[in-house]
Amino acid sequence: MARQIALITLHGMGETVDNYYDTLRGKLLAKLDNTANKLAFQAVNYQNLLQPNEQAVWDRMDKGDLRWDDLRRFLLFGFADAAGLETNKEDEGSVYEGAQLDIARKMWAARQEMGGDGPLVVIAQSLGGQVFSCYIYDAQRAAAGQTRYAGIWKDIDSFAARITGSDKALTAAEKSFLRGSTLVGLMTTGCNIPIFVAAHKRLNIHAIDRPNNQFKWLNVYDKHDTLGWPLRPLEGGYEDLVEDRQVNVGEGLLDWLKSFTPMSHTAYWEDENVVAALARMIMQGLLHPVTHSVAPVTAPAPPH
């Protein structure tokens, strides 16, 4: 039986295991209950492009006289992720390109599970919000005729075989889906997009275009999370596109202690309220599906 809606997950910065989504998926499927079998689930993992190099650097460090190993490890792996994605991103085979390719592959796989176009929901943690936002932004700008110099949308047709695993060209409908035309919901948790745009002039800060009339962007942040930020104050379209929602994540003794510290950054996907909000977003997508693009891409904007 074909699935009726797709969920794609993106992890955040720092060390990431392959099954990083397990707790979230388990809690989510329990909340969806009888509708769980309607969900196509795909997980993006761009960390495997970065982690081997980060581990090699960590191993080379003489840490005998250093302190706070756990914090140092988090900072090394976490900020190396951000630097790696932005450094030399125009180069062929860059990490930026590889991350976008994995997103497209998982979107393609989700479309196959649905038997064609269907509504799409994405949840992105931390750095994952920036990664997915750039993917959609590049896709929309390319469709609007603006040249892209980094990522797969500089020439999406040349990446077709690596996305689909076949030698067939992408159809117009397939490209539209890969651009996020049926994206009905985006949830970002602990999002740090403001860190990436802070050095830009205000006039050069631009959010993605609304992909369709049903689209909702819910940005969840904990005020104790120093890596998680509200997005609406950025302007540039964010103020009309995003709903910022402040939460206090953390359950159980250990997570309760996290909830009042910057370590709340790691607790979003285990929080019942966050999972419940994601479940509602998926249910809304089932009730009001978008199966094709209903909103045209706007005119080109300045570079992202």
Protein backbone atom coordinates (compact mmCIF):
# COMPACT_ATOMS: atom_id res chain seq x y z
CA MET A 1 0.00 0.00 0.00
CA ALA A 2 1.35 3.42 -0.97
CA ARG A 3 2.04 5.85 1.85
CA GLN A 4 -0.01 9.04 1.94
CA ILE A 5 2.43 11.54 3.49
CA ALA A 6 6.20 11.68 3.95
CA LEU A 7 8.38 12.78 6.86
CA ILE A 8 12.06 13.56 6.38
CA THR A 9 14.40 14.20 9.29
CA LEU A 10 17.68 16.13 9.38
CA HIS A 11 20.04 15.92 12.35
CA GLY A 12 21.97 18.79 13.89
CA MET A 13 25.63 19.53 14.53
CA GLY A 14 28.04 17.27 16.36
CA GLU A 15 28.58 13.53 16.49
CA THR A 16 25.62 11.67 15.04
CA VAL A 17 24.77 7.99 15.03
CA ASP A 18 23.05 6.46 12.00
CA ASN A 19 19.81 5.89 13.92
CA TYR A 20 19.74 9.39 15.46
CA TYR A 21 15.98 9.57 14.83
CA ASP A 22 14.95 6.41 16.73
CA THR A 23 13.48 8.06 19.84
CA LEU A 24 11.59 10.64 17.81
CA ARG A 25 10.20 8.05 15.42
CA GLY A 26 9.09 5.76 18.22
CA LYS A 27 7.28 8.53 20.10
CA LEU A 28 5.79 9.91 16.89
CA LEU A 29 4.40 6.61 15.63
CA ALA A 30 2.78 6.03 19.02
CA LYS A 31 1.01 9.39 18.76
CA LEU A 32 -0.08 8.78 15.18
CA ASP A 33 -1.47 5.39 16.23
CA ASN A 34 -3.81 4.13 13.49
CA THR A 35 -2.45 6.57 10.91
CA ALA A 36 1.17 5.53 11.40
CA ASN A 37 1.02 3.17 8.42
CA LYS A 38 0.27 6.15 6.15
CA LEU A 39 3.67 7.69 6.85
CA ALA A 40 6.74 7.32 4.62
CA PHE A 41 9.83 7.94 6.74
CA GLN A 42 13.27 8.96 5.45
CA ALA A 43 16.31 10.24 7.38
CA VAL A 44 19.03 12.49 5.97
CA ASN A 45 22.52 11.92 7.36
CA TYR A 46 25.08 14.45 6.13
CA GLN A 47 27.28 13.88 9.19
CA ASN A 48 28.89 10.86 7.55
CA LEU A 49 30.53 13.31 5.13
CA LEU A 50 32.17 15.15 8.03
CA GLN A 51 32.64 12.83 10.97
CA PRO A 52 35.62 10.74 9.76
CA ASN A 53 37.78 13.86 9.33
CA GLU A 54 36.63 15.32 12.64
CA GLN A 55 37.41 12.06 14.43
CA ALA A 56 40.88 12.00 12.85
CA VAL A 57 41.63 15.51 14.13
CA TRP A 58 40.35 14.61 17.58
CA ASP A 59 42.55 11.53 17.67
CA ARG A 60 45.62 13.57 16.74
CA MET A 61 45.17 16.04 19.56
CA ASP A 62 47.38 15.63 22.63
CA LYS A 63 44.71 16.01 25.27
CA GLY A 64 46.82 15.12 28.27
CA ASP A 65 46.87 18.67 29.65
CA LEU A 66 43.45 19.72 28.37
CA ARG A 67 40.25 19.79 30.41
CA TRP A 68 36.52 19.52 29.68
CA ASP A 69 36.96 16.74 27.12
CA ASP A 70 33.24 16.27 26.49
CA LEU A 71 32.67 19.97 25.86
CA ARG A 72 35.77 20.19 23.67
CA ARG A 73 34.60 17.21 21.64
CA PHE A 74 31.15 18.74 21.17
CA LEU A 75 32.63 22.05 20.05
CA LEU A 76 35.17 20.46 17.71
CA PHE A 77 32.64 18.20 15.99
CA GLY A 78 29.81 20.76 16.09
CA PHE A 79 31.56 23.84 14.80
CA ALA A 80 33.61 21.81 12.32
CA ASP A 81 30.25 20.75 10.83
CA ALA A 82 29.21 24.35 10.28
CA ALA A 83 32.61 25.34 8.90
CA GLY A 84 32.79 22.28 6.65
CA LEU A 85 29.42 22.99 5.07
CA GLU A 86 30.27 26.60 4.27
CA THR A 87 33.94 26.23 3.26
CA ASN A 88 34.64 25.88 -0.48
CA LYS A 89 31.01 24.99 -1.04
CA GLU A 90 31.27 25.91 -4.74
CA ASP A 91 33.77 23.10 -5.31
CA GLU A 92 32.66 19.95 -7.07
CA GLY A 93 32.06 17.25 -4.48
CA SER A 94 31.91 19.71 -1.58
CA VAL A 95 30.20 18.82 1.69
CA TYR A 96 27.52 21.40 0.85
CA GLU A 97 26.82 19.56 -2.39
CA GLY A 98 26.91 16.16 -0.70
CA ALA A 99 24.39 17.23 1.95
CA GLN A 100 22.01 18.51 -0.71
CA LEU A 101 22.41 15.30 -2.69
CA ASP A 102 21.42 13.23 0.34
CA ILE A 103 18.34 15.43 0.89
CA ALA A 104 17.30 14.92 -2.74
CA ARG A 105 17.86 11.17 -2.50
CA LYS A 106 15.68 10.90 0.59
CA MET A 107 12.99 13.08 -0.97
CA TRP A 108 13.09 10.87 -4.05
CA ALA A 109 12.79 7.72 -1.92
CA ALA A 110 9.83 9.25 -0.05
CA ARG A 111 8.10 10.04 -3.34
CA GLN A 112 8.59 6.44 -4.45
CA GLU A 113 6.97 5.22 -1.23
CA MET A 114 3.97 7.46 -1.92
CA GLY A 115 3.70 6.26 -5.50
CA GLY A 116 4.05 9.80 -6.83
CA ASP A 117 3.57 13.32 -5.56
CA GLY A 118 2.25 13.65 -2.02
CA PRO A 119 2.46 15.98 0.96
CA LEU A 120 5.82 16.32 2.66
CA VAL A 121 6.79 17.28 6.23
CA VAL A 122 10.37 17.95 7.36
CA ILE A 123 11.80 18.21 10.87
CA ALA A 124 15.31 19.63 11.14
CA GLN A 125 17.38 19.94 14.29
CA SER A 126 19.91 22.73 14.86
CA LEU A 127 22.29 23.00 11.89
CA GLY A 128 19.87 20.83 9.90
CA GLY A 129 17.54 23.82 9.66
CA GLN A 130 20.21 25.85 7.86
CA VAL A 131 21.08 22.90 5.62
CA PHE A 132 17.47 22.33 4.54
CA SER A 133 16.70 26.04 4.19
CA CYS A 134 19.68 26.45 1.84
CA TYR A 135 18.53 23.42 -0.17
CA ILE A 136 15.03 24.83 -0.72
CA TYR A 137 16.34 28.35 -1.29
CA ASP A 138 18.78 27.17 -3.97
CA ALA A 139 16.06 25.05 -5.62
CA GLN A 140 13.61 27.95 -5.74
CA ARG A 141 16.18 30.42 -7.04
CA ALA A 142 17.30 27.99 -9.76
CA ALA A 143 13.67 27.51 -10.84
CA ALA A 144 13.28 31.29 -11.00
CA GLY A 145 16.21 31.53 -13.40
CA GLN A 146 18.93 32.63 -10.99
CA THR A 147 22.30 30.95 -11.44
CA ARG A 148 23.44 28.92 -8.47
CA TYR A 149 27.15 28.35 -7.92
CA ALA A 150 27.03 25.70 -5.20
CA GLY A 151 25.03 22.57 -4.48
CA ILE A 152 23.05 20.30 -6.75
CA TRP A 153 20.73 23.03 -8.03
CA LYS A 154 23.49 24.62 -10.07
CA ASP A 155 22.62 21.84 -12.57
CA ILE A 156 20.03 19.46 -11.16
CA ASP A 157 19.87 17.39 -14.35
CA SER A 158 23.52 16.39 -13.99
CA PHE A 159 22.71 14.87 -10.59
CA ALA A 160 19.69 12.86 -11.77
CA ALA A 161 21.45 9.48 -11.85
CA ARG A 162 22.93 9.98 -8.38
CA ILE A 163 19.51 10.93 -7.01
CA THR A 164 17.40 8.20 -8.62
CA GLY A 165 19.93 5.43 -9.21
CA SER A 166 18.85 5.16 -12.85
CA ASP A 167 19.84 6.71 -16.17
CA LYS A 168 16.45 8.34 -16.76
CA ALA A 169 16.14 12.11 -16.87
CA LEU A 170 14.12 13.84 -14.18
CA THR A 171 10.63 14.86 -15.26
CA ALA A 172 9.20 18.31 -14.58
CA ALA A 173 6.94 16.83 -11.89
CA GLU A 174 9.87 15.10 -10.20
CA LYS A 175 11.93 18.29 -10.17
CA SER A 176 8.98 20.18 -8.72
CA PHE A 177 8.69 17.66 -5.89
CA LEU A 178 12.43 17.81 -5.23
CA ARG A 179 12.11 21.61 -4.97
CA GLY A 180 9.64 21.09 -2.12
CA SER A 181 6.49 22.09 -4.00
CA THR A 182 4.38 19.77 -1.80
CA LEU A 183 6.15 20.71 1.45
CA VAL A 184 3.23 21.36 3.81
CA GLY A 185 5.16 21.52 7.07
CA LEU A 186 8.65 22.40 8.27
CA MET A 187 9.57 22.14 11.94
CA THR A 188 12.93 23.46 13.05
CA THR A 189 14.18 22.74 16.57
CA GLY A 190 17.10 24.57 18.18
CA CYS A 191 17.59 26.37 14.88
CA ASN A 192 20.71 28.51 14.45
CA ILE A 193 20.05 30.20 11.10
CA PRO A 194 20.66 33.62 12.76
CA ILE A 195 24.30 32.64 13.34
CA PHE A 196 24.77 32.09 9.61
CA VAL A 197 23.13 35.32 8.47
CA ALA A 198 24.37 37.63 11.25
CA ALA A 199 27.25 38.99 9.15
CA HIS A 200 24.95 39.83 6.21
CA LYS A 201 23.42 43.25 5.64
CA ARG A 202 19.74 43.26 6.52
CA LEU A 203 18.81 43.78 2.86
CA ASN A 204 20.64 40.56 1.97
CA ILE A 205 18.73 38.33 4.40
CA HIS A 206 15.96 36.42 2.64
CA ALA A 207 13.82 33.51 3.76
CA ILE A 208 12.66 30.81 1.38
CA ASP A 209 9.49 31.46 -0.59
CA ARG A 210 6.28 29.87 0.62
CA PRO A 211 6.21 26.66 -1.47
CA ASN A 212 2.41 26.39 -1.45
CA ASN A 213 -0.65 27.82 0.27
CA GLN A 214 -0.78 25.06 2.90
CA PHE A 215 2.82 25.47 4.06
CA LYS A 216 3.51 26.04 7.77
CA TRP A 217 6.93 26.64 9.35
CA LEU A 218 7.05 26.06 13.10
CA ASN A 219 10.32 27.05 14.75
CA VAL A 220 10.67 25.64 18.26
CA TYR A 221 13.29 26.95 20.67
CA ASP A 222 14.09 26.82 24.38
CA LYS A 223 15.21 30.11 25.91
CA HIS A 224 18.02 28.27 27.73
CA ASP A 225 19.38 26.85 24.45
CA THR A 226 22.14 29.21 23.32
CA LEU A 227 22.24 27.55 19.89
CA GLY A 228 18.48 27.82 19.32
CA TRP A 229 16.95 31.11 18.19
CA PRO A 230 13.64 32.65 17.15
CA LEU A 231 13.52 33.44 13.43
CA ARG A 232 10.82 36.06 12.94
CA PRO A 233 13.04 38.95 14.14
CA LEU A 234 15.32 38.33 11.13
CA GLU A 235 12.78 39.94 8.77
CA GLY A 236 13.53 39.29 5.10
CA GLY A 237 10.32 37.25 4.89
CA TYR A 238 10.81 35.26 8.09
CA GLU A 239 8.40 37.52 9.97
CA ASP A 240 5.50 36.45 7.72
CA LEU A 241 6.56 32.86 7.10
CA VAL A 242 7.56 31.44 10.50
CA GLU A 243 5.74 30.77 13.75
CA ASP A 244 8.26 30.94 16.60
CA ARG A 245 7.24 28.86 19.61
CA GLN A 246 9.16 28.96 22.88
CA VAL A 247 9.16 25.71 24.84
CA ASN A 248 10.87 24.31 27.92
CA VAL A 249 12.10 20.90 26.82
CA GLY A 250 13.11 18.15 29.21
CA GLU A 251 11.45 15.16 30.83
CA GLY A 252 12.72 12.84 33.52
CA LEU A 253 15.42 13.80 36.02
CA LEU A 254 18.32 13.99 33.56
CA ASP A 255 16.40 15.93 30.91
CA TRP A 256 14.84 18.14 33.59
CA LEU A 257 18.35 19.19 34.55
CA LYS A 258 19.10 19.81 30.87
CA SER A 259 16.01 21.97 30.52
CA PHE A 260 17.52 24.84 32.50
CA THR A 261 20.91 24.83 30.75
CA PRO A 262 22.29 25.17 27.21
CA MET A 263 22.19 21.36 27.08
CA SER A 264 18.47 21.74 26.35
CA HIS A 265 19.74 21.90 22.76
CA THR A 266 19.90 18.10 22.75
CA ALA A 267 16.47 17.43 24.26
CA TYR A 268 13.92 18.63 21.67
CA TRP A 269 13.23 15.35 19.90
CA GLU A 270 12.62 13.54 23.17
CA ASP A 271 10.11 16.11 24.43
CA GLU A 272 6.46 15.03 24.35
CA ASN A 273 5.17 18.50 23.46
CA VAL A 274 7.53 18.81 20.51
CA VAL A 275 6.59 15.34 19.24
CA ALA A 276 2.90 16.15 19.68
CA ALA A 277 3.31 19.33 17.61
CA LEU A 278 5.01 17.30 14.86
CA ALA A 279 2.19 14.74 14.94
CA ARG A 280 -0.38 17.54 14.54
CA MET A 281 1.57 18.91 11.58
CA ILE A 282 1.48 15.50 9.92
CA MET A 283 -2.24 15.07 10.61
CA GLN A 284 -2.91 18.50 9.09
CA GLY A 285 -0.95 17.41 6.05
CA LEU A 286 -3.16 14.34 5.73
CA LEU A 287 -6.33 16.41 6.11
CA HIS A 288 -5.22 19.13 3.71
CA PRO A 289 -2.74 17.50 1.34
CA VAL A 290 -0.82 19.25 -1.41
CA THR A 291 0.00 16.91 -4.25
CA HIS A 292 1.38 19.45 -6.73
CA SER A 293 2.76 22.97 -6.79
CA VAL A 294 0.07 25.60 -6.17
CA ALA A 295 2.27 28.66 -5.72
CA PRO A 296 4.64 30.01 -8.40
CA VAL A 297 8.26 30.70 -7.58
CA THR A 298 8.81 34.43 -7.19
CA ALA A 299 11.32 36.54 -9.07
CA PRO A 300 15.00 36.01 -8.22
CA ALA A 301 16.23 37.48 -4.97
CA PRO A 302 19.77 38.54 -4.04
CA PRO A 303 22.23 35.73 -3.20
CA HIS A 304 21.55 33.73 -0.01
